[in-house]
All heavy atoms as atom14 arrays in JSON, in Angstrom:
{
  "sequence": "KNRPEIGEALDRQGYFDWKVRRRDSFITIKVT",
  "atom14_mask": [
    [1, 1, 1, 1, 1, 1, 1, 1, 1, 0, 0, 0, 0, 0],
    [1, 1, 1, 1, 1, 1, 1, 1, 0, 0, 0, 0, 0, 0],
    [1, 1, 1, 1, 1, 1, 1, 1, 1, 1, 1, 0, 0, 0],
    [1, 1, 1, 1, 1, 1, 1, 0, 0, 0, 0, 0, 0, 0],
    [1, 1, 1, 1, 1, 1, 1, 1, 1, 0, 0, 0, 0, 0],
    [1, 1, 1, 1, 1, 1, 1, 1, 0, 0, 0, 0, 0, 0],
    [1, 1, 1, 1, 0, 0, 0, 0, 0, 0, 0, 0, 0, 0],
    [1, 1, 1, 1, 1, 1, 1, 1, 1, 0, 0, 0, 0, 0],
    [1, 1, 1, 1, 1, 0, 0, 0, 0, 0, 0, 0, 0, 0],
    [1, 1, 1, 1, 1, 1, 1, 1, 0, 0, 0, 0, 0, 0],
    [1, 1, 1, 1, 1, 1, 1, 1, 0, 0, 0, 0, 0, 0],
    [1, 1, 1, 1, 1, 1, 1, 1, 1, 1, 1, 0, 0, 0],
    [1, 1, 1, 1, 1, 1, 1, 1, 1, 0, 0, 0, 0, 0],
    [1, 1, 1, 1, 0, 0, 0, 0, 0, 0, 0, 0, 0, 0],
    [1, 1, 1, 1, 1, 1, 1, 1, 1, 1, 1, 1, 0, 0],
    [1, 1, 1, 1, 1, 1, 1, 1, 1, 1, 1, 0, 0, 0],
    [1, 1, 1, 1, 1, 1, 1, 1, 0, 0, 0, 0, 0, 0],
    [1, 1, 1, 1, 1, 1, 1, 1, 1, 1, 1, 1, 1, 1],
    [1, 1, 1, 1, 1, 1, 1, 1, 1, 0, 0, 0, 0, 0],
    [1, 1, 1, 1, 1, 1, 1, 0, 0, 0, 0, 0, 0, 0],
    [1, 1, 1, 1, 1, 1, 1, 1, 1, 1, 1, 0, 0, 0],
    [1, 1, 1, 1, 1, 1, 1, 1, 1, 1, 1, 0, 0, 0],
    [1, 1, 1, 1, 1, 1, 1, 1, 1, 1, 1, 0, 0, 0],
    [1, 1, 1, 1, 1, 1, 1, 1, 0, 0, 0, 0, 0, 0],
    [1, 1, 1, 1, 1, 1, 0, 0, 0, 0, 0, 0, 0, 0],
    [1, 1, 1, 1, 1, 1, 1, 1, 1, 1, 1, 0, 0, 0],
    [1, 1, 1, 1, 1, 1, 1, 1, 0, 0, 0, 0, 0, 0],
    [1, 1, 1, 1, 1, 1, 1, 0, 0, 0, 0, 0, 0, 0],
    [1, 1, 1, 1, 1, 1, 1, 1, 0, 0, 0, 0, 0, 0],
    [1, 1, 1, 1, 1, 1, 1, 1, 1, 0, 0, 0, 0, 0],
    [1, 1, 1, 1, 1, 1, 1, 0, 0, 0, 0, 0, 0, 0],
    [1, 1, 1, 1, 1, 1, 1, 0, 0, 0, 0, 0, 0, 0]
  ],
  "atom14_positions": [
    [[149.47, 126.02, -8.68], [148.63, 126.9, -9.48], [147.73, 126.12, -10.42], [146.56, 126.44, -10.59], [149.52, 127.86, -10.29], [150.3, 128.85, -9.45], [151.2, 129.71, -10.32], [152.04, 130.67, -9.48], [152.99, 131.44, -10.32], [0.0, 0.0, 0.0], [0.0, 0.0, 0.0], [0.0, 0.0, 0.0], [0.0, 0.0, 0.0], [0.0, 0.0, 0.0]],
    [[148.3, 125.07, -11.08], [147.56, 124.35, -12.11], [146.74, 123.18, -11.56], [145.7, 122.85, -12.12], [148.53, 123.81, -13.18], [149.25, 124.92, -13.9], [148.68, 125.96, -14.18], [150.53, 124.71, -14.18], [0.0, 0.0, 0.0], [0.0, 0.0, 0.0], [0.0, 0.0, 0.0], [0.0, 0.0, 0.0], [0.0, 0.0, 0.0], [0.0, 0.0, 0.0]],
    [[147.27, 122.54, -10.54], [146.59, 121.37, -9.98], [146.48, 121.53, -8.47], [147.21, 120.89, -7.71], [147.37, 120.09, -10.33], [147.51, 119.81, -11.82], [146.22, 119.3, -12.42], [145.78, 118.07, -11.77], [146.24, 116.86, -12.09], [147.15, 116.72, -13.04], [145.78, 115.79, -11.47], [0.0, 0.0, 0.0], [0.0, 0.0, 0.0], [0.0, 0.0, 0.0]],
    [[145.59, 122.39, -8.0], [145.49, 122.64, -6.56], [145.18, 121.38, -5.76], [145.59, 121.27, -4.6], [144.37, 123.67, -6.45], [143.63, 123.59, -7.74], [144.64, 123.21, -8.76], [0.0, 0.0, 0.0], [0.0, 0.0, 0.0], [0.0, 0.0, 0.0], [0.0, 0.0, 0.0], [0.0, 0.0, 0.0], [0.0, 0.0, 0.0], [0.0, 0.0, 0.0]],
    [[144.47, 120.42, -6.36], [144.17, 119.18, -5.65], [145.43, 118.36, -5.38], [145.54, 117.68, -4.36], [143.15, 118.34, -6.45], [143.67, 117.64, -7.69], [143.78, 118.55, -8.91], [143.59, 119.77, -8.75], [144.07, 118.03, -10.0], [0.0, 0.0, 0.0], [0.0, 0.0, 0.0], [0.0, 0.0, 0.0], [0.0, 0.0, 0.0], [0.0, 0.0, 0.0]],
    [[146.43, 118.49, -6.27], [147.7, 117.81, -6.05], [148.46, 118.49, -4.92], [149.02, 117.84, -4.03], [148.54, 117.79, -7.35], [147.94, 116.78, -8.34], [149.99, 117.45, -7.07], [148.69, 116.71, -9.66], [0.0, 0.0, 0.0], [0.0, 0.0, 0.0], [0.0, 0.0, 0.0], [0.0, 0.0, 0.0], [0.0, 0.0, 0.0], [0.0, 0.0, 0.0]],
    [[148.5, 119.82, -4.97], [149.16, 120.55, -3.89], [148.52, 120.26, -2.55], [149.22, 120.1, -1.53], [0.0, 0.0, 0.0], [0.0, 0.0, 0.0], [0.0, 0.0, 0.0], [0.0, 0.0, 0.0], [0.0, 0.0, 0.0], [0.0, 0.0, 0.0], [0.0, 0.0, 0.0], [0.0, 0.0, 0.0], [0.0, 0.0, 0.0], [0.0, 0.0, 0.0]],
    [[147.19, 120.16, -2.53], [146.48, 119.87, -1.28], [146.84, 118.48, -0.76], [147.05, 118.29, 0.45], [144.97, 119.98, -1.53], [144.12, 119.9, -0.27], [143.8, 118.47, 0.14], [143.77, 117.59, -0.75], [143.6, 118.22, 1.35], [0.0, 0.0, 0.0], [0.0, 0.0, 0.0], [0.0, 0.0, 0.0], [0.0, 0.0, 0.0], [0.0, 0.0, 0.0]],
    [[146.93, 117.5, -1.68], [147.3, 116.14, -1.28], [148.72, 116.09, -0.73], [148.99, 115.4, 0.26], [147.15, 115.18, -2.46], [0.0, 0.0, 0.0], [0.0, 0.0, 0.0], [0.0, 0.0, 0.0], [0.0, 0.0, 0.0], [0.0, 0.0, 0.0], [0.0, 0.0, 0.0], [0.0, 0.0, 0.0], [0.0, 0.0, 0.0], [0.0, 0.0, 0.0]],
    [[149.62, 116.82, -1.35], [151.0, 116.87, -0.86], [151.05, 117.44, 0.56], [151.74, 116.9, 1.44], [151.87, 117.74, -1.79], [152.51, 117.08, -3.0], [153.22, 118.12, -3.84], [153.5, 115.99, -2.59], [0.0, 0.0, 0.0], [0.0, 0.0, 0.0], [0.0, 0.0, 0.0], [0.0, 0.0, 0.0], [0.0, 0.0, 0.0], [0.0, 0.0, 0.0]],
    [[150.31, 118.52, 0.78], [150.32, 119.15, 2.1], [149.65, 118.27, 3.15], [150.08, 118.24, 4.31], [149.61, 120.51, 2.02], [150.38, 121.52, 1.2], [151.61, 121.34, 1.03], [149.76, 122.49, 0.72], [0.0, 0.0, 0.0], [0.0, 0.0, 0.0], [0.0, 0.0, 0.0], [0.0, 0.0, 0.0], [0.0, 0.0, 0.0], [0.0, 0.0, 0.0]],
    [[148.62, 117.56, 2.73], [147.83, 116.78, 3.69], [148.48, 115.43, 4.03], [148.52, 115.03, 5.19], [146.43, 116.55, 3.13], [145.53, 115.65, 3.96], [144.09, 115.68, 3.45], [144.02, 115.53, 2.01], [144.04, 114.35, 1.38], [144.13, 113.23, 2.08], [143.96, 114.29, 0.07], [0.0, 0.0, 0.0], [0.0, 0.0, 0.0], [0.0, 0.0, 0.0]],
    [[148.99, 114.72, 2.99], [149.48, 113.37, 3.24], [150.91, 113.11, 2.78], [151.45, 112.03, 2.95], [148.55, 112.35, 2.56], [148.43, 112.53, 1.06], [147.29, 111.73, 0.47], [146.34, 111.36, 1.16], [147.37, 111.45, -0.84], [0.0, 0.0, 0.0], [0.0, 0.0, 0.0], [0.0, 0.0, 0.0], [0.0, 0.0, 0.0], [0.0, 0.0, 0.0]],
    [[151.53, 114.14, 2.16], [152.93, 114.01, 1.76], [153.13, 113.33, 0.42], [154.27, 113.06, 0.03], [0.0, 0.0, 0.0], [0.0, 0.0, 0.0], [0.0, 0.0, 0.0], [0.0, 0.0, 0.0], [0.0, 0.0, 0.0], [0.0, 0.0, 0.0], [0.0, 0.0, 0.0], [0.0, 0.0, 0.0], [0.0, 0.0, 0.0], [0.0, 0.0, 0.0]],
    [[152.06, 113.06, -0.32], [152.18, 112.45, -1.65], [150.89, 112.66, -2.42], [149.87, 113.05, -1.85], [152.47, 110.95, -1.54], [151.31, 110.11, -1.03], [150.37, 109.57, -1.92], [151.15, 109.87, 0.33], [149.3, 108.83, -1.45], [150.08, 109.12, 0.81], [149.16, 108.6, -0.1], [148.09, 107.87, 0.36], [0.0, 0.0, 0.0], [0.0, 0.0, 0.0]],
    [[150.96, 112.41, -3.73], [149.74, 112.36, -4.55], [149.85, 111.19, -5.51], [150.95, 110.72, -5.81], [149.49, 113.67, -5.29], [150.52, 114.04, -6.32], [150.41, 113.6, -7.64], [151.6, 114.86, -5.99], [151.36, 113.96, -8.59], [152.55, 115.21, -6.93], [152.43, 114.76, -8.24], [0.0, 0.0, 0.0], [0.0, 0.0, 0.0], [0.0, 0.0, 0.0]],
    [[148.72, 110.7, -5.97], [148.69, 109.58, -6.91], [148.77, 110.11, -8.34], [148.08, 111.06, -8.7], [147.42, 108.76, -6.73], [147.41, 107.99, -5.42], [148.5, 107.58, -4.97], [146.33, 107.8, -4.83], [0.0, 0.0, 0.0], [0.0, 0.0, 0.0], [0.0, 0.0, 0.0], [0.0, 0.0, 0.0], [0.0, 0.0, 0.0], [0.0, 0.0, 0.0]],
    [[149.6, 109.46, -9.14], [149.91, 109.92, -10.48], [149.7, 108.76, -11.45], [150.29, 107.68, -11.28], [151.36, 110.39, -10.49], [151.88, 111.03, -11.73], [151.38, 112.08, -12.4], [153.07, 110.64, -12.43], [152.18, 112.4, -13.47], [153.22, 111.53, -13.5], [154.03, 109.65, -12.22], [154.29, 111.45, -14.39], [155.09, 109.56, -13.11], [155.21, 110.46, -14.19]],
    [[148.83, 108.95, -12.44], [148.53, 107.88, -13.39], [149.43, 107.98, -14.62], [149.57, 109.05, -15.21], [147.06, 107.94, -13.81], [146.1, 107.51, -12.72], [144.68, 107.42, -13.23], [143.75, 106.92, -12.12], [142.34, 106.8, -12.61], [0.0, 0.0, 0.0], [0.0, 0.0, 0.0], [0.0, 0.0, 0.0], [0.0, 0.0, 0.0], [0.0, 0.0, 0.0]],
    [[150.02, 106.83, -14.98], [150.95, 106.75, -16.1], [150.49, 105.65, -17.04], [150.13, 104.55, -16.59], [152.39, 106.45, -15.63], [153.35, 106.4, -16.8], [152.85, 107.48, -14.61], [0.0, 0.0, 0.0], [0.0, 0.0, 0.0], [0.0, 0.0, 0.0], [0.0, 0.0, 0.0], [0.0, 0.0, 0.0], [0.0, 0.0, 0.0], [0.0, 0.0, 0.0]],
    [[150.52, 105.92, -18.34], [150.14, 104.89, -19.31], [151.28, 103.9, -19.49], [152.41, 104.29, -19.81], [149.78, 105.5, -20.66], [149.35, 104.45, -21.67], [148.71, 105.05, -22.89], [148.3, 104.01, -23.82], [147.53, 104.22, -24.88], [147.11, 105.44, -25.14], [147.2, 103.23, -25.68], [0.0, 0.0, 0.0], [0.0, 0.0, 0.0], [0.0, 0.0, 0.0]],
    [[151.01, 102.62, -19.3], [151.96, 101.54, -19.52], [151.32, 100.54, -20.47], [150.35, 99.87, -20.12], [152.33, 100.85, -18.2], [153.22, 101.64, -17.3], [154.64, 101.74, -17.84], [155.23, 100.42, -18.03], [155.85, 99.74, -17.06], [155.92, 100.24, -15.84], [156.37, 98.55, -17.31], [0.0, 0.0, 0.0], [0.0, 0.0, 0.0], [0.0, 0.0, 0.0]],
    [[151.87, 100.46, -21.67], [151.33, 99.57, -22.69], [149.85, 99.87, -22.93], [149.52, 100.97, -23.34], [151.61, 98.12, -22.31], [153.12, 97.86, -22.2], [153.44, 96.49, -21.61], [154.87, 96.33, -21.42], [155.54, 96.76, -20.35], [154.88, 97.36, -19.38], [156.83, 96.6, -20.26], [0.0, 0.0, 0.0], [0.0, 0.0, 0.0], [0.0, 0.0, 0.0]],
    [[148.95, 98.95, -22.64], [147.54, 99.17, -22.97], [146.69, 99.53, -21.75], [145.46, 99.4, -21.78], [146.96, 97.91, -23.63], [147.63, 97.62, -24.96], [147.95, 98.59, -25.68], [147.85, 96.44, -25.27], [0.0, 0.0, 0.0], [0.0, 0.0, 0.0], [0.0, 0.0, 0.0], [0.0, 0.0, 0.0], [0.0, 0.0, 0.0], [0.0, 0.0, 0.0]],
    [[147.32, 99.97, -20.68], [146.57, 100.3, -19.48], [147.26, 101.44, -18.74], [148.3, 101.94, -19.17], [146.44, 99.07, -18.57], [147.73, 98.64, -18.15], [0.0, 0.0, 0.0], [0.0, 0.0, 0.0], [0.0, 0.0, 0.0], [0.0, 0.0, 0.0], [0.0, 0.0, 0.0], [0.0, 0.0, 0.0], [0.0, 0.0, 0.0], [0.0, 0.0, 0.0]],
    [[146.68, 101.84, -17.63], [147.26, 102.88, -16.8], [147.64, 102.3, -15.44], [146.94, 101.44, -14.91], [146.28, 104.05, -16.59], [146.11, 104.91, -17.8], [145.17, 104.6, -18.76], [146.91, 106.04, -17.97], [145.01, 105.4, -19.88], [146.75, 106.84, -19.08], [145.81, 106.52, -20.04], [0.0, 0.0, 0.0], [0.0, 0.0, 0.0], [0.0, 0.0, 0.0]],
    [[148.78, 102.75, -14.9], [149.18, 102.37, -13.56], [149.24, 103.62, -12.69], [149.35, 104.74, -13.21], [150.54, 101.65, -13.55], [151.65, 102.58, -14.07], [150.49, 100.36, -14.34], [153.06, 102.01, -13.9], [0.0, 0.0, 0.0], [0.0, 0.0, 0.0], [0.0, 0.0, 0.0], [0.0, 0.0, 0.0], [0.0, 0.0, 0.0], [0.0, 0.0, 0.0]],
    [[149.15, 103.44, -11.4], [149.21, 104.57, -10.47], [150.52, 104.54, -9.7], [150.91, 103.51, -9.15], [148.02, 104.51, -9.48], [146.8, 104.59, -10.21], [148.09, 105.68, -8.5], [0.0, 0.0, 0.0], [0.0, 0.0, 0.0], [0.0, 0.0, 0.0], [0.0, 0.0, 0.0], [0.0, 0.0, 0.0], [0.0, 0.0, 0.0], [0.0, 0.0, 0.0]],
    [[151.2, 105.65, -9.69], [152.48, 105.8, -8.99], [152.29, 106.82, -7.87], [151.64, 107.85, -8.06], [153.59, 106.26, -9.95], [153.89, 105.17, -10.98], [154.86, 106.63, -9.19], [154.89, 105.6, -12.03], [0.0, 0.0, 0.0], [0.0, 0.0, 0.0], [0.0, 0.0, 0.0], [0.0, 0.0, 0.0], [0.0, 0.0, 0.0], [0.0, 0.0, 0.0]],
    [[152.86, 106.54, -6.73], [152.81, 107.47, -5.61], [153.97, 108.46, -5.75], [155.13, 108.08, -5.76], [152.9, 106.72, -4.29], [152.78, 107.6, -3.06], [152.87, 106.79, -1.77], [151.63, 105.94, -1.58], [151.63, 105.26, -0.27], [0.0, 0.0, 0.0], [0.0, 0.0, 0.0], [0.0, 0.0, 0.0], [0.0, 0.0, 0.0], [0.0, 0.0, 0.0]],
    [[153.64, 109.75, -5.89], [154.64, 110.8, -6.01], [154.78, 111.51, -4.67], [153.81, 112.1, -4.17], [154.25, 111.81, -7.11], [155.29, 112.93, -7.2], [154.1, 111.12, -8.45], [0.0, 0.0, 0.0], [0.0, 0.0, 0.0], [0.0, 0.0, 0.0], [0.0, 0.0, 0.0], [0.0, 0.0, 0.0], [0.0, 0.0, 0.0], [0.0, 0.0, 0.0]],
    [[155.95, 111.43, -4.09], [156.19, 112.0, -2.77], [156.73, 113.43, -2.86], [157.12, 113.9, -3.94], [157.18, 111.14, -1.99], [158.46, 111.22, -2.64], [156.72, 109.69, -1.92], [0.0, 0.0, 0.0], [0.0, 0.0, 0.0], [0.0, 0.0, 0.0], [0.0, 0.0, 0.0], [0.0, 0.0, 0.0], [0.0, 0.0, 0.0], [0.0, 0.0, 0.0]]
  ]
}
């Protein structure tokens, strides 16, 4: 409902990329 692009990515490829703040930068985690 809130992030349809995430739902679409899950349906299409089985995961979405998720950005997390680590110290002074952001890293990307694959959420399955």
